[in-house]
Every structure is written in C-alpha cells, then in structure tokens.
C-alpha cells in the first residue's frame, strides 16, 4: 500500500514529489490511481517535474513557471509516453473523476502530431487540455513553433494538472 505519510501529506494539502524510480519501482497501478484520486479530490499537486524552474504555458498560452501553475491547478504530466498508453490512463482518470463528481480530467503531454491532437480532442472533448513547455518539448518533438503549437493553444480546456514522474518503460509496465 501507499506510504501513509504521502497520503497524509496530500490530505493536509502539503506538496511533495513522487518519483517512482526512486521508490524502487515498488508502486502499483492501484496506488497510482489512489494518489491521482486523492490529488483530484483535494485539488492538490502531485508534482514530479524534473524542470521546476522552466517556463510553461498556461491555458491562455501565457508563460508561467511550474510553481505558478501549481497554485492554480492539479497537474498530470506524462514523459514521452505512447499515445495509446496515455489514452488508457486518461480513460482511467476520467472514470475516477466521474466517480468523485469532478467535471474534468486531463493530460499534459505534448502529442507528436496535429493528427494526434485532433484525435484526442475529438475523443475527450472539453475533458482534455495540454500544458506544454514550448521551448523544450516542442523542439524535442520536432514540431518547431508552427501550426501544431497554435492548434494546441486554440484548443486548450480547463486543466487538472498532477504529475507522476517515472520512466516510460516503468509506466508501460504498470499499465499492462
């Protein structure tokens, strides 16, 4: 089960960083869902961003640091995972969200192409938003500063933003 102090910290509104790799990868999918559910319920941040001082964009496209975003949203950040894995997790988040009476759930990874963005928006509608590091993530995905970024900015929605940081291989293993 989850370390009791982590759950207590969340319920008390304290911020902490959860790194699955540093926890010897002994956390289960059920425990991840429990953390996400608690974070959504308390509107608390589960933060594991490796670049806390980099500038991100908010839902209006304005640059903000991760700390500024934390004051407004609960954050979910996937690290270069395959779209189908992200979708499976998003489906799980939306189910948890509905069970708790929450209106929206989100992801904040940057899809690899405009077609992926279109697909996700079509599938999830106003339950989805993208929070991106315009300088780093867009370059890493070779999108440049063109239409894909503008498309994302034009189709942002309300964000619940919580971050669980783990290696893609570990996340894929957990989601099997």
N, C-alpha and C. Protein backbone atom coordinates (compact mmCIF):
# COMPACT_ATOMS: atom_id res chain seq x y z
N UNK A 1 0.84 -1.20 0.00
CA UNK A 1 0.00 0.00 0.00
C UNK A 1 0.87 1.25 0.00
N UNK A 2 0.24 2.38 -0.19
CA UNK A 2 0.97 3.64 -0.22
C UNK A 2 1.60 3.95 1.12
N UNK A 3 2.72 4.64 1.06
CA UNK A 3 3.30 5.13 2.30
C UNK A 3 2.29 6.06 2.96
N UNK A 4 1.96 5.78 4.23
CA UNK A 4 0.92 6.54 4.90
C UNK A 4 1.22 8.03 4.95
N UNK A 5 2.51 8.36 5.09
CA UNK A 5 2.84 9.79 5.20
C UNK A 5 2.54 10.54 3.92
N UNK A 6 2.65 9.88 2.74
CA UNK A 6 2.34 10.54 1.49
C UNK A 6 0.86 10.88 1.41
N UNK A 7 0.03 9.91 1.80
CA UNK A 7 -1.41 10.14 1.78
C UNK A 7 -1.78 11.24 2.77
N UNK A 8 -1.19 11.19 3.96
CA UNK A 8 -1.47 12.20 4.96
C UNK A 8 -1.05 13.58 4.49
N UNK A 9 0.11 13.67 3.83
CA UNK A 9 0.58 14.96 3.34
C UNK A 9 -0.39 15.52 2.31
N UNK A 10 -0.87 14.66 1.42
CA UNK A 10 -1.83 15.11 0.41
C UNK A 10 -3.10 15.62 1.06
N UNK A 11 -3.61 14.86 2.03
CA UNK A 11 -4.86 15.23 2.67
C UNK A 11 -4.72 16.52 3.47
N UNK A 12 -3.50 16.78 3.94
CA UNK A 12 -3.24 18.01 4.69
C UNK A 12 -2.89 19.18 3.76
N UNK A 13 -2.83 18.88 2.45
CA UNK A 13 -2.55 19.94 1.49
C UNK A 13 -1.08 20.25 1.32
N UNK A 14 -0.20 19.35 1.76
CA UNK A 14 1.23 19.58 1.60
C UNK A 14 1.66 19.10 0.22
N UNK A 15 2.67 19.75 -0.33
CA UNK A 15 3.19 19.35 -1.63
C UNK A 15 4.37 18.40 -1.45
N UNK A 16 4.47 17.42 -2.32
CA UNK A 16 5.61 16.52 -2.26
C UNK A 16 5.91 16.02 -3.66
N UNK A 17 7.07 15.46 -3.84
CA UNK A 17 7.47 14.94 -5.13
C UNK A 17 7.46 13.42 -5.08
N UNK A 18 6.76 12.81 -6.03
CA UNK A 18 6.69 11.36 -6.11
C UNK A 18 7.50 10.91 -7.32
N UNK A 19 8.58 10.20 -7.08
CA UNK A 19 9.39 9.67 -8.17
C UNK A 19 9.40 8.15 -8.06
N UNK A 20 8.72 7.49 -8.99
CA UNK A 20 8.56 6.04 -8.89
C UNK A 20 9.89 5.32 -8.99
N UNK A 21 10.81 5.87 -9.76
CA UNK A 21 12.11 5.23 -9.89
C UNK A 21 12.86 5.24 -8.57
N UNK A 22 12.81 6.37 -7.87
CA UNK A 22 13.50 6.47 -6.59
C UNK A 22 12.84 5.60 -5.53
N UNK A 23 11.59 5.26 -5.72
CA UNK A 23 10.89 4.40 -4.77
C UNK A 23 11.10 2.93 -5.12
N UNK A 24 12.15 2.65 -5.89
CA UNK A 24 12.50 1.28 -6.28
C UNK A 24 11.41 0.63 -7.12
N UNK A 25 10.58 1.44 -7.74
CA UNK A 25 9.54 0.96 -8.64
C UNK A 25 8.60 -0.04 -7.97
N UNK A 26 8.37 0.16 -6.70
CA UNK A 26 7.51 -0.78 -5.96
C UNK A 26 6.08 -0.26 -5.81
N UNK A 27 5.70 0.73 -6.60
CA UNK A 27 4.35 1.25 -6.50
C UNK A 27 3.48 0.58 -7.56
N UNK A 28 2.24 0.29 -7.23
CA UNK A 28 1.34 -0.42 -8.14
C UNK A 28 0.43 0.55 -8.87
N UNK A 29 -0.21 0.05 -9.92
CA UNK A 29 -1.18 0.87 -10.66
C UNK A 29 -2.30 1.33 -9.74
N UNK A 30 -2.75 0.44 -8.85
CA UNK A 30 -3.80 0.81 -7.90
C UNK A 30 -3.37 1.98 -7.02
N UNK A 31 -2.11 1.95 -6.60
CA UNK A 31 -1.61 3.02 -5.75
C UNK A 31 -1.48 4.33 -6.53
N UNK A 32 -1.09 4.24 -7.80
CA UNK A 32 -1.04 5.43 -8.64
C UNK A 32 -2.44 6.04 -8.73
N UNK A 33 -3.43 5.20 -9.01
CA UNK A 33 -4.81 5.69 -9.12
C UNK A 33 -5.29 6.30 -7.82
N UNK A 34 -4.86 5.70 -6.70
CA UNK A 34 -5.26 6.24 -5.40
C UNK A 34 -4.68 7.64 -5.19
N UNK A 35 -3.41 7.80 -5.57
CA UNK A 35 -2.78 9.11 -5.45
C UNK A 35 -3.46 10.14 -6.35
N UNK A 36 -3.75 9.74 -7.58
CA UNK A 36 -4.40 10.65 -8.51
C UNK A 36 -5.78 11.04 -7.99
N UNK A 37 -6.51 10.07 -7.46
CA UNK A 37 -7.85 10.34 -6.95
C UNK A 37 -7.80 11.31 -5.77
N UNK A 38 -6.84 11.08 -4.86
CA UNK A 38 -6.70 11.98 -3.72
C UNK A 38 -6.32 13.37 -4.20
N UNK A 39 -5.39 13.43 -5.16
CA UNK A 39 -4.96 14.72 -5.68
C UNK A 39 -6.11 15.47 -6.34
N UNK A 40 -6.93 14.77 -7.11
CA UNK A 40 -8.07 15.42 -7.77
C UNK A 40 -9.09 15.88 -6.74
N UNK A 41 -9.31 15.07 -5.71
CA UNK A 41 -10.32 15.40 -4.71
C UNK A 41 -9.93 16.61 -3.89
N UNK A 42 -8.65 16.71 -3.56
CA UNK A 42 -8.18 17.81 -2.72
C UNK A 42 -7.69 19.00 -3.53
N UNK A 43 -7.70 18.85 -4.88
CA UNK A 43 -7.14 19.85 -5.79
C UNK A 43 -5.68 20.11 -5.44
N UNK A 44 -5.03 19.07 -4.96
CA UNK A 44 -3.64 19.18 -4.53
C UNK A 44 -2.71 18.72 -5.62
N UNK A 45 -1.48 19.19 -5.57
CA UNK A 45 -0.49 18.86 -6.57
C UNK A 45 0.30 17.62 -6.21
N UNK A 46 0.42 16.71 -7.16
CA UNK A 46 1.34 15.59 -7.03
C UNK A 46 2.42 15.89 -8.06
N UNK A 47 3.54 16.40 -7.61
CA UNK A 47 4.49 17.02 -8.53
C UNK A 47 5.78 16.24 -8.63
N UNK A 48 6.18 15.92 -9.84
CA UNK A 48 7.44 15.25 -10.05
C UNK A 48 8.15 15.81 -11.27
N UNK A 49 7.95 17.09 -11.54
CA UNK A 49 8.51 17.71 -12.73
C UNK A 49 10.02 17.84 -12.60
N UNK A 50 10.79 17.32 -13.56
CA UNK A 50 12.24 17.40 -13.47
C UNK A 50 12.79 18.78 -13.78
N UNK A 51 11.95 19.69 -14.30
CA UNK A 51 12.41 21.03 -14.65
C UNK A 51 11.54 22.08 -13.96
N UNK A 52 11.61 22.20 -12.63
CA UNK A 52 10.68 23.07 -11.91
C UNK A 52 10.80 24.55 -12.23
N UNK A 53 11.94 24.98 -12.75
CA UNK A 53 12.12 26.41 -13.00
C UNK A 53 11.92 26.81 -14.46
N UNK A 54 11.61 25.85 -15.31
CA UNK A 54 11.38 26.18 -16.72
C UNK A 54 10.02 26.85 -16.89
N UNK A 55 9.90 27.58 -17.95
CA UNK A 55 8.65 28.29 -18.21
C UNK A 55 7.70 27.41 -19.02
N UNK A 56 6.49 27.25 -18.51
CA UNK A 56 5.44 26.53 -19.19
C UNK A 56 4.37 27.53 -19.63
N UNK A 57 3.43 27.08 -20.46
CA UNK A 57 2.33 27.96 -20.83
C UNK A 57 1.06 27.53 -20.11
N UNK A 58 0.26 28.51 -19.70
CA UNK A 58 -1.00 28.20 -19.04
C UNK A 58 -2.09 28.02 -20.08
N UNK A 59 -3.33 27.89 -19.65
CA UNK A 59 -4.42 27.61 -20.58
C UNK A 59 -4.68 28.75 -21.54
N UNK A 60 -4.18 29.94 -21.24
CA UNK A 60 -4.34 31.07 -22.14
C UNK A 60 -3.13 31.27 -23.04
N UNK A 61 -2.13 30.38 -22.88
CA UNK A 61 -0.93 30.49 -23.68
C UNK A 61 0.11 31.43 -23.11
N UNK A 62 -0.11 31.91 -21.88
CA UNK A 62 0.84 32.81 -21.24
C UNK A 62 1.93 32.02 -20.54
N UNK A 63 3.19 32.49 -20.59
CA UNK A 63 4.25 31.76 -19.92
C UNK A 63 4.12 31.82 -18.40
N UNK A 64 4.28 30.67 -17.76
CA UNK A 64 4.26 30.61 -16.31
C UNK A 64 5.23 29.54 -15.85
N UNK A 65 5.77 29.70 -14.67
CA UNK A 65 6.62 28.65 -14.12
C UNK A 65 5.74 27.54 -13.59
N UNK A 66 6.34 26.39 -13.36
CA UNK A 66 5.59 25.27 -12.83
C UNK A 66 5.01 25.61 -11.47
N UNK A 67 5.72 26.43 -10.70
CA UNK A 67 5.24 26.80 -9.36
C UNK A 67 3.99 27.68 -9.45
N UNK A 68 3.96 28.54 -10.45
CA UNK A 68 2.77 29.37 -10.65
C UNK A 68 1.59 28.52 -11.07
N UNK A 69 1.85 27.54 -11.94
CA UNK A 69 0.77 26.65 -12.36
C UNK A 69 0.25 25.84 -11.17
N UNK A 70 1.16 25.44 -10.29
CA UNK A 70 0.77 24.64 -9.14
C UNK A 70 -0.24 25.36 -8.26
N UNK A 71 -0.18 26.69 -8.23
CA UNK A 71 -1.10 27.44 -7.40
C UNK A 71 -2.51 27.47 -7.98
N UNK A 72 -2.63 27.08 -9.25
CA UNK A 72 -3.92 27.14 -9.93
C UNK A 72 -4.52 25.77 -10.23
N UNK A 73 -3.66 24.79 -10.48
CA UNK A 73 -4.15 23.51 -10.98
C UNK A 73 -3.53 22.34 -10.25
N UNK A 74 -4.17 21.21 -10.36
CA UNK A 74 -3.55 19.93 -10.05
C UNK A 74 -2.99 19.43 -11.38
N UNK A 75 -1.78 18.88 -11.41
CA UNK A 75 -1.07 18.66 -12.66
C UNK A 75 -0.81 17.19 -13.00
N UNK A 76 -1.04 16.79 -14.25
CA UNK A 76 -0.73 15.43 -14.70
C UNK A 76 0.23 15.50 -15.87
N UNK A 77 1.39 14.95 -15.69
CA UNK A 77 2.44 15.12 -16.69
C UNK A 77 3.02 13.78 -17.09
N UNK A 78 2.87 13.42 -18.35
CA UNK A 78 3.44 12.18 -18.85
C UNK A 78 4.73 12.48 -19.59
N UNK A 79 5.70 11.61 -19.47
CA UNK A 79 7.01 11.86 -20.05
C UNK A 79 7.23 11.02 -21.31
N UNK A 80 6.90 11.60 -22.46
CA UNK A 80 7.17 10.97 -23.75
C UNK A 80 6.62 9.55 -23.85
N UNK A 81 5.39 9.36 -23.42
CA UNK A 81 4.77 8.04 -23.48
C UNK A 81 4.01 7.88 -24.79
N UNK A 82 3.77 6.64 -25.15
CA UNK A 82 3.00 6.41 -26.37
C UNK A 82 1.56 6.86 -26.16
N UNK A 83 0.94 7.33 -27.23
CA UNK A 83 -0.40 7.88 -27.14
C UNK A 83 -1.40 6.87 -26.59
N UNK A 84 -1.31 5.61 -27.01
CA UNK A 84 -2.30 4.63 -26.54
C UNK A 84 -2.19 4.42 -25.05
N UNK A 85 -0.97 4.48 -24.51
CA UNK A 85 -0.80 4.34 -23.06
C UNK A 85 -1.41 5.54 -22.37
N UNK A 86 -1.16 6.73 -22.91
CA UNK A 86 -1.74 7.94 -22.34
C UNK A 86 -3.26 7.87 -22.35
N UNK A 87 -3.81 7.38 -23.44
CA UNK A 87 -5.26 7.30 -23.55
C UNK A 87 -5.84 6.34 -22.53
N UNK A 88 -5.18 5.20 -22.34
CA UNK A 88 -5.68 4.25 -21.35
C UNK A 88 -5.68 4.86 -19.96
N UNK A 89 -4.62 5.58 -19.64
CA UNK A 89 -4.55 6.22 -18.34
C UNK A 89 -5.58 7.34 -18.23
N UNK A 90 -5.77 8.09 -19.30
CA UNK A 90 -6.75 9.17 -19.27
C UNK A 90 -8.15 8.61 -19.07
N UNK A 91 -8.45 7.49 -19.74
CA UNK A 91 -9.75 6.84 -19.52
C UNK A 91 -9.93 6.51 -18.05
N UNK A 92 -8.88 6.01 -17.42
CA UNK A 92 -8.94 5.68 -16.00
C UNK A 92 -9.16 6.92 -15.16
N UNK A 93 -8.47 8.01 -15.49
CA UNK A 93 -8.62 9.26 -14.75
C UNK A 93 -10.04 9.80 -14.86
N UNK A 94 -10.60 9.74 -16.06
CA UNK A 94 -11.95 10.26 -16.26
C UNK A 94 -12.95 9.43 -15.46
N UNK A 95 -12.73 8.12 -15.42
CA UNK A 95 -13.61 7.25 -14.61
C UNK A 95 -13.52 7.63 -13.15
N UNK A 96 -12.31 7.80 -12.64
CA UNK A 96 -12.13 8.21 -11.24
C UNK A 96 -12.79 9.56 -11.02
N UNK A 97 -12.59 10.48 -11.94
CA UNK A 97 -13.13 11.81 -11.83
C UNK A 97 -14.65 11.79 -11.76
N UNK A 98 -15.28 10.98 -12.64
CA UNK A 98 -16.74 10.89 -12.64
C UNK A 98 -17.23 10.29 -11.33
N UNK A 99 -16.53 9.28 -10.84
CA UNK A 99 -16.94 8.64 -9.59
C UNK A 99 -16.90 9.63 -8.43
N UNK A 100 -15.99 10.60 -8.52
CA UNK A 100 -15.84 11.57 -7.45
C UNK A 100 -16.66 12.83 -7.69
N UNK A 101 -17.38 12.87 -8.79
CA UNK A 101 -18.21 14.02 -9.08
C UNK A 101 -17.44 15.19 -9.67
N UNK A 102 -16.18 14.95 -10.10
CA UNK A 102 -15.41 16.01 -10.71
C UNK A 102 -15.87 16.21 -12.16
N UNK A 103 -15.71 17.41 -12.67
CA UNK A 103 -16.22 17.70 -14.01
C UNK A 103 -15.24 17.33 -15.11
N UNK A 104 -13.95 17.47 -14.86
CA UNK A 104 -12.97 17.27 -15.93
C UNK A 104 -11.75 16.53 -15.44
N UNK A 105 -11.07 15.88 -16.37
CA UNK A 105 -9.76 15.28 -16.13
C UNK A 105 -8.90 15.64 -17.32
N UNK A 106 -7.57 15.52 -17.20
CA UNK A 106 -6.73 15.98 -18.29
C UNK A 106 -5.47 15.15 -18.48
N UNK A 107 -4.76 15.44 -19.54
CA UNK A 107 -3.37 15.05 -19.67
C UNK A 107 -2.59 16.30 -20.04
N UNK A 108 -1.27 16.24 -19.88
CA UNK A 108 -0.47 17.42 -20.23
C UNK A 108 0.73 17.05 -21.08
N UNK A 109 0.75 15.84 -21.65
CA UNK A 109 1.85 15.52 -22.54
C UNK A 109 1.61 16.19 -23.89
N UNK A 110 2.68 16.39 -24.63
CA UNK A 110 2.56 17.00 -25.94
C UNK A 110 2.50 15.90 -27.00
N UNK A 111 1.39 15.73 -27.69
CA UNK A 111 1.31 14.70 -28.73
C UNK A 111 2.33 14.97 -29.84
N UNK A 112 2.61 13.94 -30.60
CA UNK A 112 3.65 14.03 -31.62
C UNK A 112 3.21 14.72 -32.91
N UNK A 113 1.93 14.87 -33.10
CA UNK A 113 1.47 15.44 -34.37
C UNK A 113 0.11 16.09 -34.19
N UNK A 114 -0.26 16.92 -35.15
CA UNK A 114 -1.56 17.57 -35.09
C UNK A 114 -2.68 16.55 -35.21
N UNK A 115 -2.45 15.45 -35.94
CA UNK A 115 -3.49 14.42 -36.07
C UNK A 115 -3.75 13.77 -34.72
N UNK A 116 -2.70 13.57 -33.91
CA UNK A 116 -2.90 13.01 -32.58
C UNK A 116 -3.68 13.99 -31.72
N UNK A 117 -3.35 15.28 -31.82
CA UNK A 117 -4.06 16.29 -31.06
C UNK A 117 -5.54 16.28 -31.45
N UNK A 118 -5.81 16.25 -32.76
CA UNK A 118 -7.19 16.23 -33.25
C UNK A 118 -7.94 15.02 -32.71
N UNK A 119 -7.29 13.86 -32.74
CA UNK A 119 -7.90 12.63 -32.28
C UNK A 119 -8.26 12.73 -30.80
N UNK A 120 -7.34 13.23 -29.99
CA UNK A 120 -7.57 13.30 -28.55
C UNK A 120 -8.68 14.30 -28.22
N UNK A 121 -8.69 15.42 -28.91
CA UNK A 121 -9.74 16.41 -28.69
C UNK A 121 -11.09 15.85 -29.11
N UNK A 122 -11.11 15.15 -30.24
CA UNK A 122 -12.37 14.55 -30.71
C UNK A 122 -12.88 13.52 -29.71
N UNK A 123 -11.96 12.73 -29.14
CA UNK A 123 -12.36 11.66 -28.24
C UNK A 123 -12.80 12.19 -26.88
N UNK A 124 -12.05 13.18 -26.34
CA UNK A 124 -12.29 13.61 -24.97
C UNK A 124 -12.94 14.97 -24.83
N UNK A 125 -13.05 15.72 -25.93
CA UNK A 125 -13.74 17.00 -25.88
C UNK A 125 -13.18 17.93 -24.83
N UNK A 126 -14.07 18.53 -24.02
CA UNK A 126 -13.61 19.52 -23.06
C UNK A 126 -13.03 18.90 -21.79
N UNK A 127 -12.80 17.58 -21.82
CA UNK A 127 -12.14 16.95 -20.67
C UNK A 127 -10.62 16.98 -20.82
N UNK A 128 -10.14 17.55 -21.89
CA UNK A 128 -8.70 17.48 -22.15
C UNK A 128 -8.08 18.87 -22.30
N UNK A 129 -6.84 18.98 -21.86
CA UNK A 129 -6.06 20.20 -22.08
C UNK A 129 -4.61 19.82 -22.19
N UNK A 130 -3.82 20.66 -22.83
CA UNK A 130 -2.41 20.39 -22.99
C UNK A 130 -1.61 21.49 -22.29
N UNK A 131 -0.72 21.09 -21.42
CA UNK A 131 0.19 22.04 -20.79
C UNK A 131 1.57 21.67 -21.29
N UNK A 132 2.22 22.56 -22.01
CA UNK A 132 3.48 22.21 -22.66
C UNK A 132 4.59 23.17 -22.29
N UNK A 133 5.81 22.68 -22.36
CA UNK A 133 6.99 23.53 -22.28
C UNK A 133 7.32 23.89 -23.72
N UNK A 134 6.94 25.09 -24.11
CA UNK A 134 7.02 25.46 -25.52
C UNK A 134 8.44 25.44 -26.05
N UNK A 135 9.41 25.70 -25.22
CA UNK A 135 10.80 25.74 -25.69
C UNK A 135 11.42 24.37 -25.80
N UNK A 136 11.16 23.49 -24.82
CA UNK A 136 11.84 22.21 -24.76
C UNK A 136 11.05 21.09 -25.44
N UNK A 137 9.80 20.91 -25.07
CA UNK A 137 9.05 19.78 -25.58
C UNK A 137 8.78 19.89 -27.07
N UNK A 138 8.47 21.09 -27.52
CA UNK A 138 8.18 21.24 -28.95
C UNK A 138 9.43 20.96 -29.77
N UNK A 139 10.58 21.44 -29.30
CA UNK A 139 11.83 21.15 -30.00
C UNK A 139 12.10 19.65 -30.01
N UNK A 140 11.88 18.99 -28.86
CA UNK A 140 12.19 17.57 -28.77
C UNK A 140 11.29 16.74 -29.66
N UNK A 141 10.10 17.25 -29.97
CA UNK A 141 9.19 16.53 -30.84
C UNK A 141 9.26 17.05 -32.28
N UNK A 142 10.24 17.93 -32.54
CA UNK A 142 10.46 18.44 -33.90
C UNK A 142 9.22 19.13 -34.48
N UNK A 143 8.46 19.81 -33.63
CA UNK A 143 7.27 20.50 -34.12
C UNK A 143 7.55 21.95 -34.47
N UNK A 144 8.71 22.46 -34.06
CA UNK A 144 9.00 23.85 -34.32
C UNK A 144 8.03 24.76 -33.60
N UNK A 145 7.81 25.95 -34.12
CA UNK A 145 6.90 26.90 -33.49
C UNK A 145 5.68 27.13 -34.38
N UNK A 146 5.30 26.13 -35.15
CA UNK A 146 4.28 26.31 -36.17
C UNK A 146 2.87 25.93 -35.76
N UNK A 147 2.17 25.30 -36.71
CA UNK A 147 0.73 25.11 -36.58
C UNK A 147 0.34 24.20 -35.43
N UNK A 148 1.18 23.20 -35.12
CA UNK A 148 0.83 22.28 -34.05
C UNK A 148 0.69 23.02 -32.71
N UNK A 149 1.65 23.91 -32.41
CA UNK A 149 1.57 24.68 -31.17
C UNK A 149 0.34 25.57 -31.16
N UNK A 150 0.08 26.25 -32.28
CA UNK A 150 -1.10 27.11 -32.36
C UNK A 150 -2.37 26.30 -32.18
N UNK A 151 -2.38 25.12 -32.75
CA UNK A 151 -3.56 24.26 -32.63
C UNK A 151 -3.81 23.90 -31.17
N UNK A 152 -2.72 23.56 -30.48
CA UNK A 152 -2.84 23.23 -29.06
C UNK A 152 -3.39 24.42 -28.29
N UNK A 153 -2.81 25.59 -28.51
CA UNK A 153 -3.22 26.78 -27.77
C UNK A 153 -4.69 27.12 -28.05
N UNK A 154 -5.13 26.88 -29.27
CA UNK A 154 -6.50 27.19 -29.65
C UNK A 154 -7.51 26.22 -29.04
N UNK A 155 -7.05 25.05 -28.63
CA UNK A 155 -7.98 24.02 -28.17
C UNK A 155 -7.76 23.62 -26.72
N UNK A 156 -7.17 24.50 -25.95
CA UNK A 156 -6.97 24.20 -24.54
C UNK A 156 -8.30 24.20 -23.81
N UNK A 157 -8.34 23.44 -22.72
CA UNK A 157 -9.52 23.39 -21.87
C UNK A 157 -9.09 23.55 -20.42
N UNK A 158 -10.05 23.52 -19.51
CA UNK A 158 -9.71 23.60 -18.09
C UNK A 158 -8.73 22.48 -17.74
N UNK A 159 -7.77 22.77 -16.90
CA UNK A 159 -6.71 21.82 -16.60
C UNK A 159 -6.76 21.36 -15.16
N UNK A 160 -6.73 20.05 -14.97
CA UNK A 160 -6.39 19.47 -13.67
C UNK A 160 -5.02 18.87 -13.92
N UNK A 161 -3.98 19.40 -13.30
CA UNK A 161 -2.61 19.07 -13.70
C UNK A 161 -1.86 18.47 -12.51
N UNK A 162 -1.61 17.11 -12.44
CA UNK A 162 -0.89 16.39 -11.38
C UNK A 162 0.22 15.61 -12.02
N UNK A 163 1.36 15.52 -11.42
CA UNK A 163 2.47 14.91 -12.15
C UNK A 163 3.01 13.69 -11.43
N UNK A 164 3.07 12.57 -12.14
CA UNK A 164 3.72 11.36 -11.63
C UNK A 164 4.91 11.12 -12.53
N UNK A 165 6.09 11.14 -11.96
CA UNK A 165 7.31 11.05 -12.75
C UNK A 165 7.87 9.63 -12.67
N UNK A 166 7.91 8.94 -13.79
CA UNK A 166 8.54 7.64 -13.85
C UNK A 166 9.04 7.42 -15.27
N UNK A 167 9.88 6.43 -15.44
CA UNK A 167 10.39 6.15 -16.77
C UNK A 167 9.26 5.60 -17.64
N UNK A 168 9.29 5.88 -18.96
CA UNK A 168 8.26 5.35 -19.85
C UNK A 168 8.13 3.83 -19.76
N UNK A 169 9.26 3.14 -19.62
CA UNK A 169 9.20 1.67 -19.54
C UNK A 169 8.48 1.22 -18.28
N UNK A 170 8.71 1.92 -17.18
CA UNK A 170 8.04 1.56 -15.93
C UNK A 170 6.54 1.86 -16.02
N UNK A 171 6.19 2.99 -16.63
CA UNK A 171 4.78 3.33 -16.76
C UNK A 171 4.08 2.32 -17.64
N UNK A 172 4.74 1.93 -18.73
CA UNK A 172 4.14 0.95 -19.64
C UNK A 172 3.93 -0.37 -18.91
N UNK A 173 4.88 -0.74 -18.07
CA UNK A 173 4.75 -1.97 -17.30
C UNK A 173 3.57 -1.89 -16.34
N UNK A 174 3.43 -0.73 -15.70
CA UNK A 174 2.33 -0.56 -14.74
C UNK A 174 0.97 -0.59 -15.41
N UNK A 175 0.91 -0.13 -16.65
CA UNK A 175 -0.38 -0.02 -17.32
C UNK A 175 -0.79 -1.29 -18.05
N UNK A 176 0.03 -2.33 -18.03
CA UNK A 176 -0.33 -3.59 -18.70
C UNK A 176 -1.49 -4.27 -18.00
